[in-house]
């Protein structure tokens, strides 16, 4: 697999300059949604059965979008998993039209899809020309599988594709820096 942990330690506040550079992308964990996992009766497409953003999470997502815009970060792609909390986070960021990307769906309850989904996300990022920039709103398990980082709710991990085609962590933006 093409998974690569960062070759340099990434502090939780050093991502802004990297995110503005060409060829980088943002992996964002959805905003605050109290709890862990989803209820037993969870159904994709039915928000009433899922763990969702609370009011603080909604405010966190709006503030993150405002911070990204204020720093001049522009995205050509805003992608989200199909869980309601990722879609709502992406929509509230207000950074552009949100596209569903099923490979960003959580595999918290079924780890068998981890490698396939991670490889698909790396291939997607590799397909973007250097002048295009994506923000991918997803889940902790997805970001951890791709980077080895366990992000907090609303945190951004800044990544690029290295010359060998592997995903490389180049920086992080702590959720507090996005408020």
Protein backbone atom coordinates (compact mmCIF):
# COMPACT_ATOMS: atom_id res chain seq x y z
CA UNK A 1 0.00 0.00 0.00
CA UNK A 2 1.02 3.56 -0.51
CA UNK A 3 0.45 4.69 3.06
CA UNK A 4 3.15 6.93 4.40
CA UNK A 5 3.50 8.52 7.80
CA UNK A 6 5.03 11.94 7.91
CA UNK A 7 8.76 12.09 7.62
CA UNK A 8 8.74 15.19 9.77
CA UNK A 9 6.79 15.79 12.97
CA UNK A 10 3.78 18.00 12.33
CA UNK A 11 2.82 20.38 15.12
CA UNK A 12 -0.85 21.17 15.49
CA UNK A 13 -0.30 24.81 14.49
CA UNK A 14 2.11 24.70 11.55
CA UNK A 15 -0.26 23.98 8.69
CA UNK A 16 -1.36 27.39 7.46
CA UNK A 17 1.65 28.12 5.22
CA UNK A 18 1.61 24.57 3.88
CA UNK A 19 -2.12 24.67 3.18
CA UNK A 20 -1.65 27.82 1.08
CA UNK A 21 1.08 26.15 -1.01
CA UNK A 22 0.27 24.46 -4.32
CA UNK A 23 -0.20 20.71 -4.28
CA UNK A 24 -1.51 20.42 -0.73
CA UNK A 25 -4.89 19.30 0.53
CA UNK A 26 -6.82 19.34 3.80
CA UNK A 27 -8.11 16.25 5.59
CA UNK A 28 -10.61 17.55 8.12
CA UNK A 29 -12.29 15.57 10.85
CA UNK A 30 -15.94 16.56 11.12
CA UNK A 31 -16.82 19.17 13.71
CA UNK A 32 -17.90 18.29 17.24
CA UNK A 33 -20.54 15.58 17.43
CA UNK A 34 -20.89 14.30 20.99
CA UNK A 35 -20.36 10.59 21.58
CA UNK A 36 -18.44 7.85 19.79
CA UNK A 37 -19.46 5.82 16.77
CA UNK A 38 -23.13 5.65 15.85
CA UNK A 39 -26.19 4.17 17.52
CA UNK A 40 -27.04 0.51 16.84
CA UNK A 41 -29.97 1.51 14.60
CA UNK A 42 -27.77 3.74 12.42
CA UNK A 43 -28.83 4.11 8.78
CA UNK A 44 -26.91 6.07 6.16
CA UNK A 45 -29.17 8.80 4.78
CA UNK A 46 -31.30 9.03 7.94
CA UNK A 47 -29.81 11.70 10.19
CA UNK A 48 -32.24 10.88 12.97
CA UNK A 49 -30.43 7.54 13.45
CA UNK A 50 -26.90 9.01 13.51
CA UNK A 51 -24.60 10.85 15.89
CA UNK A 52 -24.81 14.45 14.67
CA UNK A 53 -23.21 17.84 15.21
CA UNK A 54 -24.40 19.73 18.24
CA UNK A 55 -24.73 23.54 18.38
CA UNK A 56 -21.04 23.87 19.34
CA UNK A 57 -20.11 21.67 16.39
CA UNK A 58 -22.13 23.80 14.01
CA UNK A 59 -20.47 26.95 15.36
CA UNK A 60 -17.08 25.22 15.08
CA UNK A 61 -17.69 24.38 11.40
CA UNK A 62 -18.82 27.92 10.56
CA UNK A 63 -15.81 29.41 12.35
CA UNK A 64 -13.41 27.03 10.58
CA UNK A 65 -14.77 28.08 7.20
CA UNK A 66 -14.44 31.74 8.14
CA UNK A 67 -10.84 31.19 9.30
CA UNK A 68 -9.94 29.38 6.07
CA UNK A 69 -11.46 32.16 3.96
CA UNK A 70 -9.74 34.86 6.08
CA UNK A 71 -6.36 33.16 5.51
CA UNK A 72 -7.03 33.15 1.77
CA UNK A 73 -7.27 29.38 1.38
CA UNK A 74 -9.34 28.51 -1.68
CA UNK A 75 -10.51 25.02 -2.53
CA UNK A 76 -11.42 23.69 -5.96
CA UNK A 77 -12.97 20.57 -4.38
CA UNK A 78 -15.02 20.25 -1.20
CA UNK A 79 -15.59 16.55 -0.58
CA UNK A 80 -17.49 14.85 2.20
CA UNK A 81 -18.36 11.39 3.37
CA UNK A 82 -22.05 10.51 3.36
CA UNK A 83 -22.59 10.63 7.13
CA UNK A 84 -24.77 13.56 8.19
CA UNK A 85 -22.08 15.00 10.49
CA UNK A 86 -19.49 15.15 7.70
CA UNK A 87 -21.94 16.57 5.17
CA UNK A 88 -23.18 19.20 7.62
CA UNK A 89 -19.61 20.19 8.54
CA UNK A 90 -18.67 20.54 4.86
CA UNK A 91 -21.81 22.55 4.09
CA UNK A 92 -21.33 24.89 7.08
CA UNK A 93 -17.72 25.57 6.09
CA UNK A 94 -19.25 27.44 3.13
CA UNK A 95 -16.18 26.91 0.94
CA UNK A 96 -17.98 25.80 -2.21
CA UNK A 97 -20.35 23.12 -3.46
CA UNK A 98 -20.06 19.90 -1.46
CA UNK A 99 -19.57 16.65 -3.36
CA UNK A 100 -20.32 13.28 -1.74
CA UNK A 101 -17.32 10.97 -1.74
CA UNK A 102 -18.24 7.48 -0.45
CA UNK A 103 -14.54 6.59 0.06
CA UNK A 104 -14.60 9.12 2.93
CA UNK A 105 -17.29 7.14 4.75
CA UNK A 106 -16.38 5.82 8.18
CA UNK A 107 -15.20 2.23 8.50
CA UNK A 108 -15.37 2.38 12.32
CA UNK A 109 -17.65 -0.67 12.50
CA UNK A 110 -16.20 -2.52 9.49
CA UNK A 111 -12.41 -2.22 9.23
CA UNK A 112 -12.35 -4.57 6.21
CA UNK A 113 -12.73 -1.61 3.82
CA UNK A 114 -9.90 0.45 5.37
CA UNK A 115 -7.16 -0.39 2.84
CA UNK A 116 -9.43 -0.07 -0.21
CA UNK A 117 -10.90 3.25 0.89
CA UNK A 118 -7.52 4.69 1.87
CA UNK A 119 -5.96 3.68 -1.46
CA UNK A 120 -8.90 5.24 -3.31
CA UNK A 121 -8.44 8.56 -1.47
CA UNK A 122 -4.72 8.61 -2.23
CA UNK A 123 -5.46 7.87 -5.90
CA UNK A 124 -8.02 10.69 -5.95
CA UNK A 125 -5.55 13.19 -4.49
CA UNK A 126 -2.87 12.03 -6.94
CA UNK A 127 -5.28 12.72 -9.81
CA UNK A 128 -5.59 16.43 -8.99
CA UNK A 129 -3.27 18.84 -10.81
CA UNK A 130 -1.00 20.89 -8.50
CA UNK A 131 -3.14 24.01 -8.95
CA UNK A 132 -6.20 22.23 -7.54
CA UNK A 133 -6.79 21.99 -3.80
CA UNK A 134 -9.27 19.76 -1.99
CA UNK A 135 -10.69 19.71 1.49
CA UNK A 136 -11.93 16.26 2.47
CA UNK A 137 -14.30 16.18 5.43
CA UNK A 138 -14.25 12.74 6.98
CA UNK A 139 -13.88 10.76 10.19
CA UNK A 140 -11.08 10.15 12.69
CA UNK A 141 -10.61 6.51 11.62
CA UNK A 142 -10.14 7.53 7.99
CA UNK A 143 -7.59 10.23 8.77
CA UNK A 144 -5.73 7.93 11.16
CA UNK A 145 -5.59 5.18 8.53
CA UNK A 146 -4.15 7.62 5.99
CA UNK A 147 -1.72 9.50 8.23
CA UNK A 148 -1.24 7.81 11.61
CA UNK A 149 -2.61 10.97 13.26
CA UNK A 150 -5.59 10.86 15.61
CA UNK A 151 -7.19 14.27 14.96
CA UNK A 152 -9.57 16.08 17.27
CA UNK A 153 -13.00 17.12 16.05
CA UNK A 154 -12.60 19.95 13.54
CA UNK A 155 -8.81 19.53 13.18
CA UNK A 156 -7.16 19.72 9.76
CA UNK A 157 -4.25 17.55 8.66
CA UNK A 158 -2.45 19.08 5.68
CA UNK A 159 -1.16 16.54 3.18
CA UNK A 160 0.52 16.34 -0.18
CA UNK A 161 1.61 13.58 -2.53
CA UNK A 162 5.39 13.09 -2.39
CA UNK A 163 7.52 12.46 -5.51
CA UNK A 164 7.17 8.69 -5.02
CA UNK A 165 3.37 8.99 -5.03
CA UNK A 166 2.85 8.42 -1.30
CA UNK A 167 0.70 10.56 0.97
CA UNK A 168 2.82 12.82 3.15
CA UNK A 169 1.71 14.85 6.17
CA UNK A 170 3.17 18.35 5.88
CA UNK A 171 1.30 20.17 8.64
CA UNK A 172 -1.62 20.36 10.99
CA UNK A 173 -4.10 23.04 11.99
CA UNK A 174 -5.54 22.58 15.45
CA UNK A 175 -9.28 23.04 15.80
CA UNK A 176 -8.66 25.98 18.20
CA UNK A 177 -6.71 27.81 15.47
CA UNK A 178 -9.80 27.53 13.28
CA UNK A 179 -12.05 29.44 15.71
